Amino acid sequence: MTNLVQSAETQIKTMVEGAFAAAMEKGALPQGELPAYAVEIPADPNHGDFAVNAAMVSARAFRLPPRKIAEAVAGNISFEGTYFERCEIAGPGFINFFLGKGWFADAVAGVLADGDSYGRSDFGKGEKVMVEFVSANPTGPMHMGNARGGAIGDCLASALDFAGYEVCREFYVNDAGNQIAKFGKSLEARYLQLYKGEDAVEFPEDGYHGDDIKERAKEYADLHGDNLLEVSSEERQQALIDYALPRNVDKLKSDLEKYHIYYDVWFKESTLHASGAVQAAVDLLASKGLTYEKDGAIWYKATEFGGEKDEVLVRANGFPTYFAADIAYHYNKFAVRGFDRVINIWGADHHGHVARLKGAMDAIGLDGSKLDIVLMQLVRLTKNGEVVKMSKRTGKAITLTDLLEDVPVEAARFFFNMREPNSTLDFDLDLAVQETSQNPVYYVQYAHARICSILKNLAAEGISPRSVTKEELALLTTPEETALIRRVAQLPNEIISAAKNYDPARLTHFVIDVATLFHKFYNACRVKGEDEALMQARLSLCLAVRTTLKNVLALLKISAPESM
């Protein structure tokens, strides 16, 4: 698996550490131990392809000014057998390294050799990771937060997979507890109103007021008539829940599949209660002396594990709380199914739940640090420069279904991943449907289509890409060519960073950069020219860029069109 950036960084560390040793041996530096230092990529390539701060961080260890240390090191660096041709000392003591033509040639060749696998790495070493995301309440439709969480969670899972982790996508179905009881009461009221009139049947004040509840109640009535009018309220509610809940879950599945999201596991909360797992979690905490009774309820000593206050696990009526089920669920993830790391994508309004759940993992003998919560900020939809608050169809909050009626799925997935999760996202509905270079997803897809067009036009003239030599690839020396190659070569590290930092926005930023640099290359460099070797080298670069764009778009589950 090609990672030319990593290869170059490894060479730099070998050169720098060898130069420090040589300088100490010659007496140019006193004996000392080199502290940890950074190898970075400068924003401006005029400052080198890589910069090292080793001289600056070692000033105390060697009791010398950083600049003097840098001079001693630079004077002892050997570039033989490396990708680098020279280094320079800059500012207070940075050592800047400049790549030779061989690196750029190998970078292009590496992309072509890896093909569809370009960008993959073994960074994750097969660590078993679960990403749980969306997990929308099955009592109603998905909202904008779920839409953003779906795009972030699915693309993060793709990045983790490409970075060498074993990944499982999971949806947690909250099919037990208070919300289901409220769901049943809401369905019952709407069902009875069909036969007795809305004025005759009071709707629960805390019930679900959406039109979807009315629709499910009417569906049941259309199928089964008034057969529930004479039964007990409990039996009526259960019958309506048994009818409506599976259909709501199926609707969640179909809506998410339209959104290009497919889960490995749909995990039902009810199975935790039915199997006794929730009670077992309570009993485990009790066995560790971490529970007590008060006012007839069982409490967990959450304050001993980072919580702001102690938490109820089992109510006085004997029913466990959602928190108790959540502890059991996460125990199942770690202890039963053996995930090494669990990542939950939550809305920012759940921030108060983070510390107490991680603390509960520590309390039951697991490692709370292996549970990571990505808190996702709100989405603001804008149209004509103004914030959109209402759905034109229902008069209520805009749902995922509403959004996808107006915005292409691929644009939605791309836009939701254009900001890091912890930033509020402004989603421009007008921009998302534009077929212009102002629309970033269109802009990136157009770069891919443009490359396909170049190849097609040349094929019509009888010109096809052929295998090129390293010497031919070394002809790619213009600033536009080297800038493009330099950015393309960073894909494996960008994917690793997206996986490590739980930030798939790095991928959209990266692919926009590559498209921008390709368009600059296209405008500055003729692919078809008098020099056949240079033409073939540029064709190879086009193919490498096409592969890079296609692979990133595939991670985002966005198509790479051949014509537009």
Protein backbone atom coordinates (compact mmCIF):
# COMPACT_ATOMS: atom_id res chain seq x y z
CA MET A 1 0.00 0.00 0.00
CA THR A 2 1.51 3.25 -1.19
CA ASN A 3 2.13 6.08 1.27
CA LEU A 4 4.87 8.26 -0.19
CA VAL A 5 4.38 10.94 2.48
CA GLN A 6 5.05 8.41 5.22
CA SER A 7 8.06 7.07 3.33
CA ALA A 8 9.49 10.58 3.04
CA GLU A 9 8.88 11.30 6.74
CA THR A 10 10.65 8.05 7.68
CA GLN A 11 13.65 9.03 5.53
CA ILE A 12 13.78 12.48 7.15
CA LYS A 13 13.84 10.99 10.65
CA THR A 14 16.65 8.64 9.64
CA MET A 15 18.62 11.55 8.10
CA VAL A 16 18.05 13.93 11.03
CA GLU A 17 18.89 11.40 13.73
CA GLY A 18 21.95 10.23 11.77
CA ALA A 19 23.07 13.85 11.38
CA PHE A 20 22.68 14.54 15.11
CA ALA A 21 24.79 11.44 15.89
CA ALA A 22 27.44 12.47 13.36
CA ALA A 23 27.55 16.04 14.68
CA MET A 24 28.00 14.78 18.25
CA GLU A 25 30.71 12.35 17.14
CA LYS A 26 32.61 15.16 15.39
CA GLY A 27 32.23 17.49 18.36
CA ALA A 28 30.03 19.95 16.45
CA LEU A 29 27.36 19.24 19.09
CA PRO A 30 27.84 18.20 22.73
CA GLN A 31 26.68 14.75 23.72
CA GLY A 32 22.98 14.73 24.50
CA GLU A 33 19.66 13.03 23.84
CA LEU A 34 17.47 14.26 21.01
CA PRO A 35 13.96 15.04 22.34
CA ALA A 36 10.76 14.18 20.45
CA TYR A 37 10.36 16.43 17.42
CA ALA A 38 7.84 16.99 14.63
CA VAL A 39 8.02 16.51 10.87
CA GLU A 40 5.42 18.74 9.24
CA ILE A 41 4.27 19.76 5.78
CA PRO A 42 4.54 23.57 5.37
CA ALA A 43 1.52 25.39 3.97
CA ASP A 44 3.82 27.13 1.49
CA PRO A 45 5.95 24.72 -0.60
CA ASN A 46 8.52 27.52 -1.01
CA HIS A 47 9.39 26.71 2.62
CA GLY A 48 10.14 23.13 1.64
CA ASP A 49 8.13 19.97 1.19
CA PHE A 50 8.73 19.03 4.84
CA ALA A 51 9.90 21.04 7.85
CA VAL A 52 11.56 19.73 11.02
CA ASN A 53 11.71 21.49 14.40
CA ALA A 54 14.35 19.15 15.88
CA ALA A 55 16.91 21.95 16.40
CA MET A 56 14.40 24.14 18.22
CA VAL A 57 13.12 21.50 20.65
CA SER A 58 16.66 20.32 21.47
CA ALA A 59 18.03 23.75 22.48
CA ARG A 60 17.75 22.96 26.19
CA ALA A 61 19.19 19.45 25.83
CA PHE A 62 22.28 20.72 23.98
CA ARG A 63 22.47 24.14 25.66
CA LEU A 64 22.93 25.87 22.31
CA PRO A 65 20.87 28.31 20.22
CA PRO A 66 18.50 26.43 17.85
CA ARG A 67 20.04 28.05 14.79
CA LYS A 68 23.51 26.81 15.73
CA ILE A 69 22.16 23.30 16.30
CA ALA A 70 20.40 23.43 12.90
CA GLU A 71 23.64 24.42 11.18
CA ALA A 72 25.53 21.54 12.81
CA VAL A 73 22.80 19.06 11.81
CA ALA A 74 22.37 20.37 8.25
CA GLY A 75 26.12 20.10 7.70
CA ASN A 76 26.01 16.39 8.51
CA ILE A 77 22.95 15.30 6.54
CA SER A 78 23.49 12.79 3.75
CA PHE A 79 20.86 12.74 1.00
CA GLU A 80 22.26 9.67 -0.75
CA GLY A 81 19.60 7.02 -1.41
CA THR A 82 16.75 9.30 -0.32
CA TYR A 83 13.96 11.19 -2.07
CA PHE A 84 15.47 14.52 -1.01
CA GLU A 85 17.90 16.74 -2.86
CA ARG A 86 18.62 19.50 -0.34
CA CYS A 87 17.66 21.20 2.92
CA GLU A 88 17.68 24.79 4.17
CA ILE A 89 17.69 26.43 7.58
CA ALA A 90 14.86 28.91 8.10
CA GLY A 91 13.79 31.33 10.79
CA PRO A 92 14.84 30.51 14.34
CA GLY A 93 16.05 27.03 13.41
CA PHE A 94 13.60 25.11 11.23
CA ILE A 95 15.25 22.67 8.84
CA ASN A 96 13.29 22.57 5.57
CA PHE A 97 13.65 19.60 3.22
CA PHE A 98 13.08 19.69 -0.54
CA LEU A 99 12.04 16.61 -2.52
CA GLY A 100 13.68 15.52 -5.74
CA LYS A 101 11.96 14.41 -8.95
CA GLY A 102 12.06 10.74 -7.96
CA TRP A 103 9.53 11.20 -5.18
CA PHE A 104 6.98 12.83 -7.49
CA ALA A 105 7.47 10.09 -10.06
CA ASP A 106 7.05 7.33 -7.47
CA ALA A 107 3.98 9.05 -6.03
CA VAL A 108 2.16 8.91 -9.38
CA ALA A 109 3.33 5.35 -10.05
CA GLY A 110 2.16 4.27 -6.58
CA VAL A 111 -1.38 5.55 -7.11
CA LEU A 112 -1.61 3.76 -10.45
CA ALA A 113 -0.28 0.53 -8.93
CA ASP A 114 -2.72 0.60 -6.01
CA GLY A 115 -5.77 1.51 -8.09
CA ASP A 116 -9.04 1.08 -6.15
CA SER A 117 -7.02 0.35 -3.01
CA TYR A 118 -5.13 3.64 -3.11
CA GLY A 119 -5.53 5.34 0.26
CA ARG A 120 -5.86 2.11 2.23
CA SER A 121 -3.50 1.45 5.13
CA ASP A 122 -3.03 -0.95 8.03
CA PHE A 123 -2.95 1.90 10.56
CA GLY A 124 -5.83 0.41 12.60
CA LYS A 125 -4.17 -3.02 12.83
CA GLY A 126 -7.56 -4.72 12.58
CA GLU A 127 -8.88 -3.18 15.79
CA LYS A 128 -12.57 -4.04 16.13
CA VAL A 129 -14.60 -0.83 16.12
CA MET A 130 -18.33 -0.20 16.26
CA VAL A 131 -19.84 3.01 14.96
CA GLU A 132 -23.36 3.52 16.28
CA PHE A 133 -25.12 6.38 14.58
CA VAL A 134 -28.56 7.86 13.84
CA SER A 135 -30.43 5.44 16.19
CA ALA A 136 -33.48 7.65 15.62
CA ASN A 137 -36.50 7.16 17.84
CA PRO A 138 -38.74 4.69 15.90
CA THR A 139 -41.85 6.55 17.04
CA GLY A 140 -41.49 9.15 14.28
CA PRO A 141 -39.62 10.31 11.17
CA MET A 142 -35.96 11.31 11.06
CA HIS A 143 -35.05 14.98 11.45
CA MET A 144 -32.09 17.11 10.28
CA GLY A 145 -29.89 15.98 13.18
CA ASN A 146 -30.39 12.38 12.10
CA ALA A 147 -29.64 13.36 8.50
CA ARG A 148 -26.32 14.92 9.49
CA GLY A 149 -25.49 12.11 11.92
CA GLY A 150 -26.17 9.55 9.20
CA ALA A 151 -23.77 11.17 6.74
CA ILE A 152 -21.07 11.69 9.38
CA GLY A 153 -21.37 8.22 10.91
CA ASP A 154 -21.43 6.37 7.60
CA CYS A 155 -18.47 8.27 6.13
CA LEU A 156 -16.49 7.93 9.37
CA ALA A 157 -17.09 4.17 9.25
CA SER A 158 -15.78 4.13 5.66
CA ALA A 159 -12.66 6.06 6.68
CA LEU A 160 -12.04 3.68 9.59
CA ASP A 161 -12.38 0.69 7.27
CA PHE A 162 -9.92 2.18 4.76
CA ALA A 163 -7.53 2.98 7.62
CA GLY A 164 -7.31 -0.68 8.58
CA TYR A 165 -9.95 -1.10 11.28
CA GLU A 166 -12.56 -3.86 11.39
CA VAL A 167 -15.75 -1.80 11.38
CA CYS A 168 -19.36 -2.52 12.29
CA ARG A 169 -22.17 -0.04 11.59
CA GLU A 170 -25.00 -0.31 14.12
CA PHE A 171 -28.46 1.21 14.63
CA TYR A 172 -29.89 0.99 18.16
CA VAL A 173 -33.67 0.64 18.02
CA ASN A 174 -35.27 2.20 21.12
CA ASP A 175 -38.27 -0.12 21.12
CA ALA A 176 -38.81 -0.19 24.89
CA GLY A 177 -39.38 2.24 27.71
CA ASN A 178 -41.27 5.49 28.12
CA GLN A 179 -41.21 6.59 24.49
CA ILE A 180 -42.92 3.37 23.42
CA ALA A 181 -45.56 3.78 26.13
CA LYS A 182 -46.12 7.35 24.89
CA PHE A 183 -46.24 6.01 21.31
CA GLY A 184 -48.98 3.56 22.29
CA LYS A 185 -51.07 6.24 24.02
CA SER A 186 -50.69 8.56 21.02
CA LEU A 187 -51.76 5.83 18.58
CA GLU A 188 -54.69 4.90 20.81
CA ALA A 189 -55.96 8.48 20.95
CA ARG A 190 -55.74 8.91 17.17
CA TYR A 191 -57.44 5.55 16.62
CA LEU A 192 -60.32 6.39 18.93
CA GLN A 193 -60.67 9.85 17.38
CA LEU A 194 -61.31 8.19 14.03
CA TYR A 195 -64.50 6.67 15.43
CA LYS A 196 -65.55 9.11 18.15
CA GLY A 197 -64.30 12.43 16.78
CA GLU A 198 -61.34 14.57 17.80
CA ASP A 199 -63.36 16.57 20.32
CA ALA A 200 -64.58 13.45 22.09
CA VAL A 201 -61.13 11.96 22.72
CA GLU A 202 -58.48 14.00 24.50
CA PHE A 203 -55.00 13.69 23.03
CA PRO A 204 -52.21 13.14 25.61
CA GLU A 205 -50.47 16.44 26.34
CA ASP A 206 -47.04 14.81 26.06
CA GLY A 207 -48.04 12.61 23.11
CA TYR A 208 -46.52 12.53 19.64
CA HIS A 209 -48.39 15.10 17.57
CA GLY A 210 -46.99 14.28 14.12
CA ASP A 211 -49.13 13.36 11.15
CA ASP A 212 -47.31 10.02 11.00
CA ILE A 213 -49.20 8.92 14.16
CA LYS A 214 -52.52 9.74 12.49
CA GLU A 215 -51.45 7.85 9.37
CA ARG A 216 -50.50 4.69 11.29
CA ALA A 217 -53.75 4.73 13.28
CA LYS A 218 -55.78 5.12 10.08
CA GLU A 219 -53.81 2.33 8.37
CA TYR A 220 -54.69 0.00 11.22
CA ALA A 221 -58.34 1.05 11.11
CA ASP A 222 -58.49 0.56 7.33
CA LEU A 223 -57.11 -2.98 7.75
CA HIS A 224 -58.89 -4.12 10.91
CA GLY A 225 -61.79 -1.75 11.39
CA ASP A 226 -63.15 -1.02 14.87
CA ASN A 227 -62.06 -4.31 16.46
CA LEU A 228 -60.11 -2.45 19.16
CA LEU A 229 -63.00 -0.31 20.42
CA GLU A 230 -64.27 -2.86 22.93
CA VAL A 231 -60.95 -4.18 24.30
CA SER A 232 -59.02 -2.80 27.26
CA SER A 233 -56.83 0.26 26.83
CA GLU A 234 -53.73 -1.84 27.51
CA GLU A 235 -54.66 -4.40 24.84
CA ARG A 236 -55.58 -1.65 22.37
CA GLN A 237 -52.29 0.17 22.82
CA GLN A 238 -50.26 -3.03 22.49
CA ALA A 239 -52.05 -4.02 19.29
CA LEU A 240 -51.41 -0.61 17.77
CA ILE A 241 -47.75 -0.68 18.85
CA ASP A 242 -47.32 -4.18 17.41
CA TYR A 243 -48.73 -2.92 14.12
CA ALA A 244 -47.04 0.47 13.87
CA LEU A 245 -43.57 -0.09 15.34
CA PRO A 246 -42.27 -2.69 12.82
CA ARG A 247 -43.57 -0.50 9.98
CA ASN A 248 -41.81 2.53 11.42
CA VAL A 249 -38.55 0.58 11.71
CA ASP A 250 -38.96 -0.65 8.12
CA LYS A 251 -39.52 2.98 7.08
CA LEU A 252 -36.32 4.01 8.88
CA LYS A 253 -34.45 1.27 7.03
CA SER A 254 -35.83 2.20 3.61
CA ASP A 255 -35.23 5.94 4.15
CA LEU A 256 -31.64 5.28 5.23
CA GLU A 257 -31.03 2.99 2.27
CA LYS A 258 -32.22 5.77 -0.04
CA TYR A 259 -29.57 7.84 1.76
CA HIS A 260 -26.98 5.16 0.83
CA ILE A 261 -26.67 3.90 4.42
CA TYR A 262 -26.72 0.17 5.14
CA TYR A 263 -26.21 -1.15 8.67
CA ASP A 264 -24.50 -4.35 9.69
CA VAL A 265 -26.66 -4.65 12.81
CA TRP A 266 -30.07 -3.35 13.89
CA PHE A 267 -29.97 -3.90 17.66
CA LYS A 268 -33.27 -3.79 19.57
CA GLU A 269 -33.34 -2.38 23.08
CA SER A 270 -36.20 -4.79 23.90
CA THR A 271 -33.82 -7.76 23.60
CA LEU A 272 -31.79 -6.41 26.52
CA HIS A 273 -34.87 -6.41 28.74
CA ALA A 274 -36.14 -9.79 27.49
CA SER A 275 -32.75 -11.48 28.02
CA GLY A 276 -32.30 -10.11 31.54
CA ALA A 277 -29.24 -8.10 30.46
CA VAL A 278 -30.58 -4.88 31.99
CA GLN A 279 -31.18 -6.51 35.37
CA ALA A 280 -27.77 -8.18 35.13
CA ALA A 281 -26.12 -4.76 34.69
CA VAL A 282 -27.94 -3.45 37.77
CA ASP A 283 -26.94 -6.56 39.73
CA LEU A 284 -23.30 -6.14 38.62
CA LEU A 285 -23.19 -2.58 39.93
CA ALA A 286 -24.87 -3.72 43.15
CA SER A 287 -22.29 -6.49 43.62
CA LYS A 288 -19.58 -3.83 43.50
CA GLY A 289 -21.29 -1.78 46.20
CA LEU A 290 -22.18 0.96 43.74
CA THR A 291 -25.95 1.08 44.26
CA TYR A 292 -28.29 2.06 47.09
CA GLU A 293 -32.03 2.30 47.66
CA LYS A 294 -33.84 5.58 48.21
CA ASP A 295 -37.56 6.38 47.96
CA GLY A 296 -38.20 2.86 46.73
CA ALA A 297 -35.84 3.26 43.74
CA ILE A 298 -32.40 1.77 43.09
CA TRP A 299 -29.71 4.42 42.58
CA TYR A 300 -26.22 4.20 41.06
CA LYS A 301 -23.36 6.07 42.74
CA ALA A 302 -22.49 7.97 39.57
CA THR A 303 -20.66 10.72 41.44
CA GLU A 304 -17.93 8.21 42.29
CA PHE A 305 -17.19 7.87 38.57
CA GLY A 306 -17.36 11.41 37.24
CA GLY A 307 -21.11 11.98 37.21
CA GLU A 308 -22.57 15.28 38.39
CA LYS A 309 -25.19 13.46 40.46
CA ASP A 310 -26.24 9.94 41.33
CA GLU A 311 -28.60 8.29 38.84
CA VAL A 312 -31.75 6.17 39.18
CA LEU A 313 -31.37 2.71 37.67
CA VAL A 314 -34.71 1.18 38.65
CA ARG A 315 -37.73 3.35 39.41
CA ALA A 316 -39.92 2.83 42.44
CA ASN A 317 -42.48 1.13 40.15
CA GLY A 318 -39.89 -1.52 39.31
CA PHE A 319 -39.23 -0.35 35.76
CA PRO A 320 -35.57 0.23 34.79
CA THR A 321 -34.55 3.62 33.44
CA TYR A 322 -33.16 4.36 30.00
CA PHE A 323 -29.75 4.83 31.63
CA ALA A 324 -29.84 1.29 33.04
CA ALA A 325 -30.62 -0.05 29.56
CA ASP A 326 -27.82 2.09 28.13
CA ILE A 327 -25.30 0.59 30.56
CA ALA A 328 -26.47 -2.90 29.61
CA TYR A 329 -26.27 -2.05 25.92
CA HIS A 330 -22.69 -0.80 26.16
CA TYR A 331 -21.71 -3.75 28.36
CA ASN A 332 -23.02 -5.90 25.50
CA LYS A 333 -20.90 -3.98 22.98
CA PHE A 334 -17.67 -4.41 24.91
CA ALA A 335 -17.95 -7.53 27.07
CA VAL A 336 -20.33 -9.68 25.03
CA ARG A 337 -19.48 -8.79 21.43
CA GLY A 338 -15.86 -7.85 22.08
CA PHE A 339 -15.46 -4.49 20.41
CA ASP A 340 -12.12 -2.86 21.14
CA ARG A 341 -13.54 0.62 20.64
CA VAL A 342 -17.05 2.00 20.42
CA ILE A 343 -17.91 5.31 18.75
CA ASN A 344 -21.34 6.88 19.24
CA ILE A 345 -22.52 9.81 17.12
CA TRP A 346 -24.82 11.92 19.29
CA GLY A 347 -26.50 15.29 19.10
CA ALA A 348 -24.88 18.05 21.16
CA ASP A 349 -27.92 18.05 23.48
CA HIS A 350 -26.64 14.72 24.87
CA HIS A 351 -23.39 16.23 26.18
CA GLY A 352 -24.47 15.75 29.81
CA HIS A 353 -24.78 12.00 29.25
CA VAL A 354 -21.18 11.51 28.05
CA ALA A 355 -19.29 11.55 31.36
CA ARG A 356 -21.83 9.46 33.22
CA LEU A 357 -21.92 6.72 30.58
CA LYS A 358 -18.12 6.57 30.28
CA GLY A 359 -17.97 6.53 34.08
CA ALA A 360 -20.47 3.67 34.19
CA MET A 361 -18.21 1.63 31.91
CA ASP A 362 -15.39 2.12 34.41
CA ALA A 363 -17.76 1.24 37.24
CA ILE A 364 -18.73 -2.14 35.76
CA GLY A 365 -15.08 -3.05 35.20
CA LEU A 366 -14.70 -1.98 31.57
CA ASP A 367 -12.57 0.84 30.20
CA GLY A 368 -14.60 4.01 29.69
CA SER A 369 -11.78 5.55 27.66
CA LYS A 370 -12.58 3.08 24.88
CA LEU A 371 -16.04 4.60 24.50
CA ASP A 372 -15.83 7.73 22.35
CA ILE A 373 -18.74 10.08 21.84
CA VAL A 374 -18.81 12.40 18.82
CA LEU A 375 -21.07 15.33 19.70
CA MET A 376 -22.65 16.81 16.63
CA GLN A 377 -23.90 20.38 16.42
CA LEU A 378 -27.08 21.63 14.82
CA VAL A 379 -27.90 22.10 11.16
CA ARG A 380 -29.26 25.41 9.86
CA LEU A 381 -31.02 25.09 6.53
CA THR A 382 -30.91 28.24 4.42
CA LYS A 383 -32.77 29.20 1.25
CA ASN A 384 -32.53 32.55 -0.54
CA GLY A 385 -30.12 33.59 2.20
CA GLU A 386 -32.67 33.04 4.98
CA VAL A 387 -32.95 30.30 7.60
CA VAL A 388 -35.66 27.74 6.78
CA LYS A 389 -37.54 26.63 9.88
CA MET A 390 -40.68 24.97 8.60
CA SER A 391 -41.49 22.19 6.20
CA LYS A 392 -43.62 23.33 3.28
CA ARG A 393 -45.38 19.96 3.35
CA THR A 394 -46.23 19.39 6.99
CA GLY A 395 -45.75 22.77 8.63
CA LYS A 396 -43.45 21.10 11.11
CA ALA A 397 -39.75 20.32 11.43
CA ILE A 398 -38.16 19.30 8.13
CA THR A 399 -37.47 15.56 7.97
CA LEU A 400 -34.85 13.58 6.10
CA THR A 401 -37.57 12.58 3.62
CA ASP A 402 -38.47 16.24 3.04
CA LEU A 403 -34.83 17.10 2.44
CA LEU A 404 -34.22 14.31 -0.06
CA GLU A 405 -37.30 15.35 -2.05
CA ASP A 406 -35.55 18.64 -2.83
CA VAL A 407 -31.83 17.85 -2.64
CA PRO A 408 -29.92 15.04 -4.40
CA VAL A 409 -28.72 12.36 -1.99
CA GLU A 410 -25.09 12.80 -3.03
CA ALA A 411 -25.19 16.54 -2.43
CA ALA A 412 -26.74 15.98 1.01
CA ARG A 413 -24.06 13.47 2.03
CA PHE A 414 -21.27 15.76 0.80
CA PHE A 415 -22.66 18.93 2.38
CA PHE A 416 -23.24 17.29 5.77
CA ASN A 417 -19.57 16.29 5.80
CA MET A 418 -18.16 19.70 4.92
CA ARG A 419 -17.73 20.81 8.52
CA GLU A 420 -16.27 18.93 11.49
CA PRO A 421 -19.08 17.39 13.59
CA ASN A 422 -18.67 19.79 16.53
CA SER A 423 -19.32 22.83 14.31
CA THR A 424 -22.76 24.19 13.46
CA LEU A 425 -23.46 23.52 9.78
CA ASP A 426 -25.17 25.95 7.44
CA PHE A 427 -26.77 23.90 4.67
CA ASP A 428 -27.51 26.04 1.60
CA LEU A 429 -30.48 24.41 -0.15
CA ASP A 430 -30.06 26.61 -3.24
CA LEU A 431 -26.37 25.73 -3.63
CA ALA A 432 -26.97 22.01 -3.10
CA VAL A 433 -29.11 21.75 -6.26
CA GLN A 434 -26.95 23.93 -8.50
CA GLU A 435 -25.08 22.28 -11.36
CA THR A 436 -22.24 24.80 -11.33
CA SER A 437 -18.69 24.98 -10.06
CA GLN A 438 -20.04 26.85 -7.01
CA ASN A 439 -21.55 23.57 -5.79
CA PRO A 440 -18.61 21.66 -4.26
CA VAL A 441 -19.88 18.15 -5.00
CA TYR A 442 -20.61 19.08 -8.61
CA TYR A 443 -17.17 20.74 -8.81
CA VAL A 444 -15.43 17.55 -7.66
CA GLN A 445 -17.51 15.27 -9.89
CA TYR A 446 -16.80 17.58 -12.84
CA ALA A 447 -13.05 17.18 -12.30
CA HIS A 448 -13.48 13.40 -12.58
CA ALA A 449 -15.68 13.76 -15.67
CA ARG A 450 -13.17 16.16 -17.24
CA ILE A 451 -10.39 13.56 -16.92
CA CYS A 452 -12.64 10.93 -18.52
CA SER A 453 -13.36 13.39 -21.34
CA ILE A 454 -9.63 13.98 -21.94
CA LEU A 455 -9.06 10.23 -22.21
CA LYS A 456 -12.06 9.77 -24.50
CA ASN A 457 -11.03 12.58 -26.84
CA LEU A 458 -7.48 11.26 -27.08
CA ALA A 459 -8.78 7.73 -27.69
CA ALA A 460 -10.77 9.11 -30.63
CA GLU A 461 -7.42 10.25 -32.08
CA GLY A 462 -5.88 6.84 -31.47
CA ILE A 463 -3.93 7.90 -28.39
CA SER A 464 -4.14 5.67 -25.30
CA PRO A 465 -2.27 5.75 -21.99
CA ARG A 466 0.66 3.38 -21.86
CA SER A 467 3.05 2.25 -19.14
CA VAL A 468 5.57 4.96 -18.41
CA THR A 469 9.03 4.82 -16.92
CA LYS A 470 10.17 6.59 -13.79
CA GLU A 471 12.32 8.81 -16.00
CA GLU A 472 9.24 9.84 -18.00
CA LEU A 473 7.24 10.58 -14.84
CA ALA A 474 10.17 12.71 -13.67
CA LEU A 475 9.26 15.10 -16.52
CA LEU A 476 6.35 16.34 -14.37
CA THR A 477 8.09 19.39 -12.95
CA THR A 478 5.86 22.44 -13.44
CA PRO A 479 4.52 24.05 -10.23
CA GLU A 480 0.98 22.96 -11.21
CA GLU A 481 2.09 19.35 -11.67
CA THR A 482 4.11 19.09 -8.48
CA ALA A 483 1.41 20.83 -6.38
CA LEU A 484 -1.18 18.36 -7.68
CA ILE A 485 1.04 15.33 -7.07
CA ARG A 486 1.98 16.57 -3.61
CA ARG A 487 -1.71 16.80 -2.58
CA VAL A 488 -2.72 13.48 -4.19
CA ALA A 489 0.09 11.77 -2.26
CA GLN A 490 -1.44 12.91 1.03
CA LEU A 491 -4.61 10.79 0.68
CA PRO A 492 -3.53 7.85 2.90
CA ASN A 493 -2.62 10.25 5.72
CA GLU A 494 -5.83 12.24 5.26
CA ILE A 495 -7.87 9.06 5.65
CA ILE A 496 -5.88 8.09 8.74
CA SER A 497 -6.45 11.57 10.19
CA ALA A 498 -10.18 11.39 9.43
CA ALA A 499 -10.32 8.02 11.22
CA LYS A 500 -8.14 9.10 14.17
CA ASN A 501 -9.90 12.42 14.75
CA TYR A 502 -13.42 11.19 13.92
CA ASP A 503 -13.64 13.93 11.30
CA PRO A 504 -14.73 12.81 7.81
CA ALA A 505 -14.86 16.49 6.78
CA ARG A 506 -11.14 16.05 6.06
CA LEU A 507 -12.15 13.93 3.06
CA THR A 508 -14.45 16.53 1.51
CA HIS A 509 -11.82 19.23 2.05
CA PHE A 510 -9.16 17.00 0.52
CA VAL A 511 -11.14 16.10 -2.58
CA ILE A 512 -12.08 19.75 -3.18
CA ASP A 513 -8.36 20.61 -2.98
CA VAL A 514 -7.47 17.90 -5.48
CA ALA A 515 -10.21 19.04 -7.88
CA THR A 516 -9.02 22.65 -7.60
CA LEU A 517 -5.39 21.70 -8.24
CA PHE A 518 -6.42 19.51 -11.18
CA HIS A 519 -8.37 22.34 -12.81
CA LYS A 520 -5.28 24.58 -12.39
CA PHE A 521 -3.10 21.88 -13.95
CA TYR A 522 -5.57 21.46 -16.82
CA ASN A 523 -5.52 25.18 -17.57
CA ALA A 524 -1.71 25.46 -17.37
CA CYS A 525 -0.46 22.21 -18.94
CA ARG A 526 -1.45 20.75 -22.30
CA VAL A 527 -1.88 17.01 -21.98
CA LYS A 528 -1.59 16.46 -25.73
CA GLY A 529 1.66 17.95 -26.91
CA GLU A 530 4.60 17.50 -29.26
CA ASP A 531 6.63 15.53 -26.69
CA GLU A 532 5.15 12.03 -26.56
CA ALA A 533 6.95 11.11 -23.32
CA LEU A 534 5.63 14.22 -21.53
CA MET A 535 2.14 13.59 -22.88
CA GLN A 536 2.17 10.06 -21.50
CA ALA A 537 3.50 11.30 -18.15
CA ARG A 538 0.66 13.82 -17.96
CA LEU A 539 -1.83 11.13 -18.96
CA SER A 540 -0.51 9.03 -16.07
CA LEU A 541 -1.00 11.98 -13.73
CA CYS A 542 -4.57 12.37 -15.00
CA LEU A 543 -5.20 8.67 -14.32
CA ALA A 544 -3.74 9.00 -10.81
CA VAL A 545 -5.98 11.98 -10.07
CA ARG A 546 -9.01 10.14 -11.44
CA THR A 547 -8.27 7.19 -9.17
CA THR A 548 -7.84 9.50 -6.18
CA LEU A 549 -11.11 11.35 -6.81
CA LYS A 550 -13.01 8.14 -7.45
CA ASN A 551 -11.70 6.47 -4.28
CA VAL A 552 -12.63 9.39 -2.02
CA LEU A 553 -16.07 9.77 -3.62
CA ALA A 554 -16.58 6.03 -3.09
CA LEU A 555 -15.77 6.46 0.62
CA LEU A 556 -18.44 9.17 0.74
CA LYS A 557 -20.79 6.89 -1.30
CA ILE A 558 -20.97 9.46 -4.06
CA SER A 559 -20.75 8.57 -7.75
CA ALA A 560 -17.84 9.52 -9.98
CA PRO A 561 -19.52 10.31 -13.32
CA GLU A 562 -17.64 9.92 -16.62
CA SER A 563 -19.58 12.73 -18.28
CA MET A 564 -21.59 15.72 -17.08
